[in-house]
């Protein structure tokens, strides 16, 4: 079965984007949150816009059927 990026509503803090990315790449969610924070501070709000776009396009984990 192919991996699908979804928002993780069980481990979320705001929208579940960081938790979903951590699940997809199989890494620690704290690392993803820190990377988004650094991108927000250093990248002239790039982290904010990437987060918003992923939040808007990614499906919820409950909406994706499991096989």
PDB file of N, CA and C in Angstrom:
ATOM      1  N   UNK A   1       0.841  -1.180   0.000  1.00  0.00           N
ATOM      2  CA  UNK A   1       0.000   0.000   0.000  1.00  0.00           C
ATOM      3  C   UNK A   1       0.887   1.244   0.000  1.00  0.00           C
ATOM      4  N   UNK A   2       0.542   2.216  -0.811  1.00  0.00           N
ATOM      5  CA  UNK A   2       1.313   3.446  -0.921  1.00  0.00           C
ATOM      6  C   UNK A   2       1.075   4.346   0.286  1.00  0.00           C
ATOM      7  N   UNK A   3       2.115   5.070   0.652  1.00  0.00           N
ATOM      8  CA  UNK A   3       1.989   6.032   1.740  1.00  0.00           C
ATOM      9  C   UNK A   3       1.178   7.224   1.276  1.00  0.00           C
ATOM     10  N   UNK A   4       0.331   7.729   2.163  1.00  0.00           N
ATOM     11  CA  UNK A   4      -0.471   8.904   1.860  1.00  0.00           C
ATOM     12  C   UNK A   4      -0.295   9.895   3.002  1.00  0.00           C
ATOM     13  N   UNK A   5      -0.003  11.152   2.662  1.00  0.00           N
ATOM     14  CA  UNK A   5       0.116  12.188   3.681  1.00  0.00           C
ATOM     15  C   UNK A   5      -1.277  12.630   4.105  1.00  0.00           C
ATOM     16  N   UNK A   6      -1.548  12.545   5.393  1.00  0.00           N
ATOM     17  CA  UNK A   6      -2.820  12.994   5.953  1.00  0.00           C
ATOM     18  C   UNK A   6      -2.558  13.811   7.208  1.00  0.00           C
ATOM     19  N   UNK A   7      -3.521  14.623   7.576  1.00  0.00           N
ATOM     20  CA  UNK A   7      -3.449  15.351   8.839  1.00  0.00           C
ATOM     21  C   UNK A   7      -3.712  14.370   9.973  1.00  0.00           C
ATOM     22  N   UNK A   8      -2.882  14.412  10.982  1.00  0.00           N
ATOM     23  CA  UNK A   8      -3.033  13.514  12.127  1.00  0.00           C
ATOM     24  C   UNK A   8      -3.820  14.237  13.210  1.00  0.00           C
ATOM     25  N   UNK A   9      -5.084  13.919  13.333  1.00  0.00           N
ATOM     26  CA  UNK A   9      -5.959  14.600  14.286  1.00  0.00           C
ATOM     27  C   UNK A   9      -5.796  14.098  15.714  1.00  0.00           C
ATOM     28  N   UNK A  10      -5.148  12.952  15.921  1.00  0.00           N
ATOM     29  CA  UNK A  10      -4.963  12.429  17.273  1.00  0.00           C
ATOM     30  C   UNK A  10      -3.765  13.053  17.973  1.00  0.00           C
ATOM     31  N   UNK A  11      -2.718  13.381  17.246  1.00  0.00           N
ATOM     32  CA  UNK A  11      -1.494  13.940  17.827  1.00  0.00           C
ATOM     33  C   UNK A  11      -1.305  15.403  17.471  1.00  0.00           C
ATOM     34  N   UNK A  12      -2.356  16.084  17.159  1.00  0.00           N
ATOM     35  CA  UNK A  12      -2.249  17.454  16.678  1.00  0.00           C
ATOM     36  C   UNK A  12      -2.040  18.444  17.816  1.00  0.00           C
ATOM     37  N   UNK A  13      -1.476  19.588  17.489  1.00  0.00           N
ATOM     38  CA  UNK A  13      -1.401  20.734  18.379  1.00  0.00           C
ATOM     39  C   UNK A  13      -2.272  21.852  17.824  1.00  0.00           C
ATOM     40  N   UNK A  14      -2.153  22.102  16.527  1.00  0.00           N
ATOM     41  CA  UNK A  14      -2.963  23.134  15.892  1.00  0.00           C
ATOM     42  C   UNK A  14      -3.880  22.501  14.845  1.00  0.00           C
ATOM     43  N   UNK A  15      -3.304  21.981  13.786  1.00  0.00           N
ATOM     44  CA  UNK A  15      -4.123  21.412  12.720  1.00  0.00           C
ATOM     45  C   UNK A  15      -3.762  19.970  12.398  1.00  0.00           C
ATOM     46  N   UNK A  16      -2.640  19.494  12.880  1.00  0.00           N
ATOM     47  CA  UNK A  16      -2.218  18.129  12.599  1.00  0.00           C
ATOM     48  C   UNK A  16      -1.245  18.007  11.450  1.00  0.00           C
ATOM     49  N   UNK A  17      -0.775  19.137  10.922  1.00  0.00           N
ATOM     50  CA  UNK A  17       0.147  19.102   9.791  1.00  0.00           C
ATOM     51  C   UNK A  17       1.496  18.515  10.201  1.00  0.00           C
ATOM     52  N   UNK A  18       2.073  19.001  11.272  1.00  0.00           N
ATOM     53  CA  UNK A  18       3.387  18.510  11.713  1.00  0.00           C
ATOM     54  C   UNK A  18       3.323  17.038  12.112  1.00  0.00           C
ATOM     55  N   UNK A  19       2.266  16.655  12.803  1.00  0.00           N
ATOM     56  CA  UNK A  19       2.112  15.252  13.188  1.00  0.00           C
ATOM     57  C   UNK A  19       1.919  14.376  11.958  1.00  0.00           C
ATOM     58  N   UNK A  20       1.192  14.857  10.973  1.00  0.00           N
ATOM     59  CA  UNK A  20       1.006  14.114   9.732  1.00  0.00           C
ATOM     60  C   UNK A  20       2.308  13.947   8.966  1.00  0.00           C
ATOM     61  N   UNK A  21       3.106  15.016   8.904  1.00  0.00           N
ATOM     62  CA  UNK A  21       4.402  14.920   8.239  1.00  0.00           C
ATOM     63  C   UNK A  21       5.336  13.973   8.981  1.00  0.00           C
ATOM     64  N   UNK A  22       5.301  14.020  10.302  1.00  0.00           N
ATOM     65  CA  UNK A  22       6.137  13.127  11.089  1.00  0.00           C
ATOM     66  C   UNK A  22       5.740  11.669  10.856  1.00  0.00           C
ATOM     67  N   UNK A  23       4.458  11.398  10.779  1.00  0.00           N
ATOM     68  CA  UNK A  23       4.001  10.039  10.486  1.00  0.00           C
ATOM     69  C   UNK A  23       4.419   9.605   9.084  1.00  0.00           C
ATOM     70  N   UNK A  24       4.295  10.500   8.119  1.00  0.00           N
ATOM     71  CA  UNK A  24       4.609  10.172   6.733  1.00  0.00           C
ATOM     72  C   UNK A  24       6.100   9.848   6.569  1.00  0.00           C
ATOM     73  N   UNK A  25       6.971  10.672   7.179  1.00  0.00           N
ATOM     74  CA  UNK A  25       8.412  10.467   7.043  1.00  0.00           C
ATOM     75  C   UNK A  25       8.999   9.594   8.148  1.00  0.00           C
ATOM     76  N   UNK A  26       8.155   9.148   9.079  1.00  0.00           N
ATOM     77  CA  UNK A  26       8.553   8.282  10.181  1.00  0.00           C
ATOM     78  C   UNK A  26       9.685   8.908  11.011  1.00  0.00           C
ATOM     79  N   UNK A  27       9.458  10.162  11.420  1.00  0.00           N
ATOM     80  CA  UNK A  27      10.401  10.869  12.281  1.00  0.00           C
ATOM     81  C   UNK A  27       9.646  11.443  13.471  1.00  0.00           C
ATOM     82  N   UNK A  28      10.372  12.000  14.414  1.00  0.00           N
ATOM     83  CA  UNK A  28       9.773  12.551  15.620  1.00  0.00           C
ATOM     84  C   UNK A  28       9.007  13.839  15.302  1.00  0.00           C
ATOM     85  N   UNK A  29       7.832  13.971  15.846  1.00  0.00           N
ATOM     86  CA  UNK A  29       6.985  15.132  15.576  1.00  0.00           C
ATOM     87  C   UNK A  29       7.615  16.412  16.122  1.00  0.00           C
ATOM     88  N   UNK A  30       8.383  16.316  17.185  1.00  0.00           N
ATOM     89  CA  UNK A  30       9.039  17.506  17.744  1.00  0.00           C
ATOM     90  C   UNK A  30      10.040  18.087  16.757  1.00  0.00           C
ATOM     91  N   UNK A  31      10.742  17.232  16.044  1.00  0.00           N
ATOM     92  CA  UNK A  31      11.688  17.694  15.037  1.00  0.00           C
ATOM     93  C   UNK A  31      10.967  18.470  13.935  1.00  0.00           C
ATOM     94  N   UNK A  32       9.845  17.977  13.486  1.00  0.00           N
ATOM     95  CA  UNK A  32       9.083  18.654  12.433  1.00  0.00           C
ATOM     96  C   UNK A  32       8.580  20.003  12.945  1.00  0.00           C
ATOM     97  N   UNK A  33       8.111  20.051  14.170  1.00  0.00           N
ATOM     98  CA  UNK A  33       7.616  21.320  14.736  1.00  0.00           C
ATOM     99  C   UNK A  33       8.740  22.341  14.860  1.00  0.00           C
ATOM    100  N   UNK A  34       9.917  21.877  15.274  1.00  0.00           N
ATOM    101  CA  UNK A  34      11.059  22.786  15.384  1.00  0.00           C
ATOM    102  C   UNK A  34      11.473  23.288  14.004  1.00  0.00           C
ATOM    103  N   UNK A  35      11.470  22.417  13.008  1.00  0.00           N
ATOM    104  CA  UNK A  35      11.822  22.839  11.649  1.00  0.00           C
ATOM    105  C   UNK A  35      10.837  23.883  11.114  1.00  0.00           C
ATOM    106  N   UNK A  36       9.552  23.707  11.379  1.00  0.00           N
ATOM    107  CA  UNK A  36       8.581  24.708  10.956  1.00  0.00           C
ATOM    108  C   UNK A  36       8.794  26.027  11.684  1.00  0.00           C
ATOM    109  N   UNK A  37       9.127  25.971  12.952  1.00  0.00           N
ATOM    110  CA  UNK A  37       9.386  27.183  13.717  1.00  0.00           C
ATOM    111  C   UNK A  37      10.611  27.914  13.192  1.00  0.00           C
ATOM    112  N   UNK A  38      11.667  27.176  12.898  1.00  0.00           N
ATOM    113  CA  UNK A  38      12.871  27.784  12.336  1.00  0.00           C
ATOM    114  C   UNK A  38      12.571  28.388  10.966  1.00  0.00           C
ATOM    115  N   UNK A  39      11.806  27.691  10.137  1.00  0.00           N
ATOM    116  CA  UNK A  39      11.445  28.218   8.824  1.00  0.00           C
ATOM    117  C   UNK A  39      10.595  29.478   8.962  1.00  0.00           C
ATOM    118  N   UNK A  40       9.773  29.530   9.979  1.00  0.00           N
ATOM    119  CA  UNK A  40       8.947  30.710  10.216  1.00  0.00           C
ATOM    120  C   UNK A  40       9.810  31.904  10.607  1.00  0.00           C
ATOM    121  N   UNK A  41      10.786  31.676  11.470  1.00  0.00           N
ATOM    122  CA  UNK A  41      11.620  32.771  11.958  1.00  0.00           C
ATOM    123  C   UNK A  41      12.646  33.211  10.913  1.00  0.00           C
ATOM    124  N   UNK A  42      13.326  32.258  10.298  1.00  0.00           N
ATOM    125  CA  UNK A  42      14.420  32.571   9.385  1.00  0.00           C
ATOM    126  C   UNK A  42      13.942  32.863   7.966  1.00  0.00           C
ATOM    127  N   UNK A  43      12.963  32.140   7.501  1.00  0.00           N
ATOM    128  CA  UNK A  43      12.573  32.205   6.101  1.00  0.00           C
ATOM    129  C   UNK A  43      11.539  33.243   5.744  1.00  0.00           C
ATOM    130  N   UNK A  44      11.427  34.305   6.499  1.00  0.00           N
ATOM    131  CA  UNK A  44      10.469  35.377   6.187  1.00  0.00           C
ATOM    132  C   UNK A  44       9.061  34.823   6.004  1.00  0.00           C
ATOM    133  N   UNK A  45       8.592  34.102   6.962  1.00  0.00           N
ATOM    134  CA  UNK A  45       7.250  33.518   7.037  1.00  0.00           C
ATOM    135  C   UNK A  45       7.006  32.389   6.038  1.00  0.00           C
ATOM    136  N   UNK A  46       8.048  31.835   5.461  1.00  0.00           N
ATOM    137  CA  UNK A  46       7.878  30.707   4.543  1.00  0.00           C
ATOM    138  C   UNK A  46       7.244  29.514   5.252  1.00  0.00           C
ATOM    139  N   UNK A  47       7.676  29.248   6.476  1.00  0.00           N
ATOM    140  CA  UNK A  47       7.109  28.146   7.247  1.00  0.00           C
ATOM    141  C   UNK A  47       5.625  28.306   7.468  1.00  0.00           C
ATOM    142  N   UNK A  48       5.174  29.523   7.701  1.00  0.00           N
ATOM    143  CA  UNK A  48       3.751  29.798   7.893  1.00  0.00           C
ATOM    144  C   UNK A  48       2.953  29.450   6.648  1.00  0.00           C
ATOM    145  N   UNK A  49       3.416  29.892   5.487  1.00  0.00           N
ATOM    146  CA  UNK A  49       2.669  29.664   4.244  1.00  0.00           C
ATOM    147  C   UNK A  49       2.676  28.197   3.839  1.00  0.00           C
ATOM    148  N   UNK A  50       3.786  27.507   4.054  1.00  0.00           N
ATOM    149  CA  UNK A  50       3.831  26.071   3.761  1.00  0.00           C
ATOM    150  C   UNK A  50       2.844  25.335   4.660  1.00  0.00           C
ATOM    151  N   UNK A  51       2.810  25.706   5.931  1.00  0.00           N
ATOM    152  CA  UNK A  51       1.879  25.090   6.882  1.00  0.00           C
ATOM    153  C   UNK A  51       0.432  25.316   6.448  1.00  0.00           C
ATOM    154  N   UNK A  52       0.087  26.542   6.073  1.00  0.00           N
ATOM    155  CA  UNK A  52      -1.280  26.872   5.654  1.00  0.00           C
ATOM    156  C   UNK A  52      -1.671  26.097   4.404  1.00  0.00           C
ATOM    157  N   UNK A  53      -0.781  25.998   3.442  1.00  0.00           N
ATOM    158  CA  UNK A  53      -1.079  25.265   2.203  1.00  0.00           C
ATOM    159  C   UNK A  53      -1.283  23.783   2.495  1.00  0.00           C
ATOM    160  N   UNK A  54      -0.405  23.201   3.305  1.00  0.00           N
ATOM    161  CA  UNK A  54      -0.567  21.784   3.649  1.00  0.00           C
ATOM    162  C   UNK A  54      -1.853  21.551   4.429  1.00  0.00           C
ATOM    163  N   UNK A  55      -2.205  22.457   5.291  1.00  0.00           N
ATOM    164  CA  UNK A  55      -3.445  22.360   6.065  1.00  0.00           C
ATOM    165  C   UNK A  55      -4.656  22.391   5.133  1.00  0.00           C
ATOM    166  N   UNK A  56      -4.581  23.212   4.100  1.00  0.00           N
ATOM    167  CA  UNK A  56      -5.706  23.363   3.177  1.00  0.00           C
ATOM    168  C   UNK A  56      -5.855  22.175   2.233  1.00  0.00           C
ATOM    169  N   UNK A  57      -4.735  21.568   1.824  1.00  0.00           N
ATOM    170  CA  UNK A  57      -4.816  20.526   0.802  1.00  0.00           C
ATOM    171  C   UNK A  57      -4.845  19.097   1.338  1.00  0.00           C
ATOM    172  N   UNK A  58      -4.276  18.871   2.485  1.00  0.00           N
ATOM    173  CA  UNK A  58      -4.167  17.503   2.998  1.00  0.00           C
ATOM    174  C   UNK A  58      -5.502  17.015   3.569  1.00  0.00           C
ATOM    175  N   UNK A  59      -5.839  15.765   3.281  1.00  0.00           N
ATOM    176  CA  UNK A  59      -7.074  15.208   3.850  1.00  0.00           C
ATOM    177  C   UNK A  59      -6.873  14.806   5.308  1.00  0.00           C
ATOM    178  N   UNK A  60      -7.966  14.738   6.036  1.00  0.00           N
ATOM    179  CA  UNK A  60      -7.923  14.237   7.413  1.00  0.00           C
ATOM    180  C   UNK A  60      -7.646  12.740   7.389  1.00  0.00           C
ATOM    181  N   UNK A  61      -7.027  12.231   8.450  1.00  0.00           N
ATOM    182  CA  UNK A  61      -6.731  10.800   8.499  1.00  0.00           C
ATOM    183  C   UNK A  61      -8.005   9.969   8.561  1.00  0.00           C
ATOM    184  N   UNK A  62      -9.096  10.512   9.069  1.00  0.00           N
ATOM    185  CA  UNK A  62     -10.353   9.785   9.139  1.00  0.00           C
ATOM    186  C   UNK A  62     -11.043   9.685   7.771  1.00  0.00           C
ATOM    187  N   UNK A  63     -10.688  10.598   6.846  1.00  0.00           N
ATOM    188  CA  UNK A  63     -11.315  10.604   5.530  1.00  0.00           C
ATOM    189  C   UNK A  63     -10.673   9.644   4.538  1.00  0.00           C
ATOM    190  N   UNK A  64      -9.484   9.135   4.852  1.00  0.00           N
ATOM    191  CA  UNK A  64      -8.764   8.239   3.947  1.00  0.00           C
ATOM    192  C   UNK A  64      -9.058   6.796   4.360  1.00  0.00           C
ATOM    193  N   UNK A  65      -9.607   5.996   3.462  1.00  0.00           N
ATOM    194  CA  UNK A  65      -9.924   4.610   3.822  1.00  0.00           C
ATOM    195  C   UNK A  65      -8.664   3.776   4.013  1.00  0.00           C
ATOM    196  N   UNK A  66      -8.683   2.889   4.984  1.00  0.00           N
ATOM    197  CA  UNK A  66      -7.568   1.974   5.195  1.00  0.00           C
ATOM    198  C   UNK A  66      -7.952   0.591   4.660  1.00  0.00           C
ATOM    199  N   UNK A  67      -6.952  -0.075   4.114  1.00  0.00           N
ATOM    200  CA  UNK A  67      -7.202  -1.386   3.513  1.00  0.00           C
ATOM    201  C   UNK A  67      -6.665  -2.466   4.402  1.00  0.00           C
TER     202      UNK A  67
END
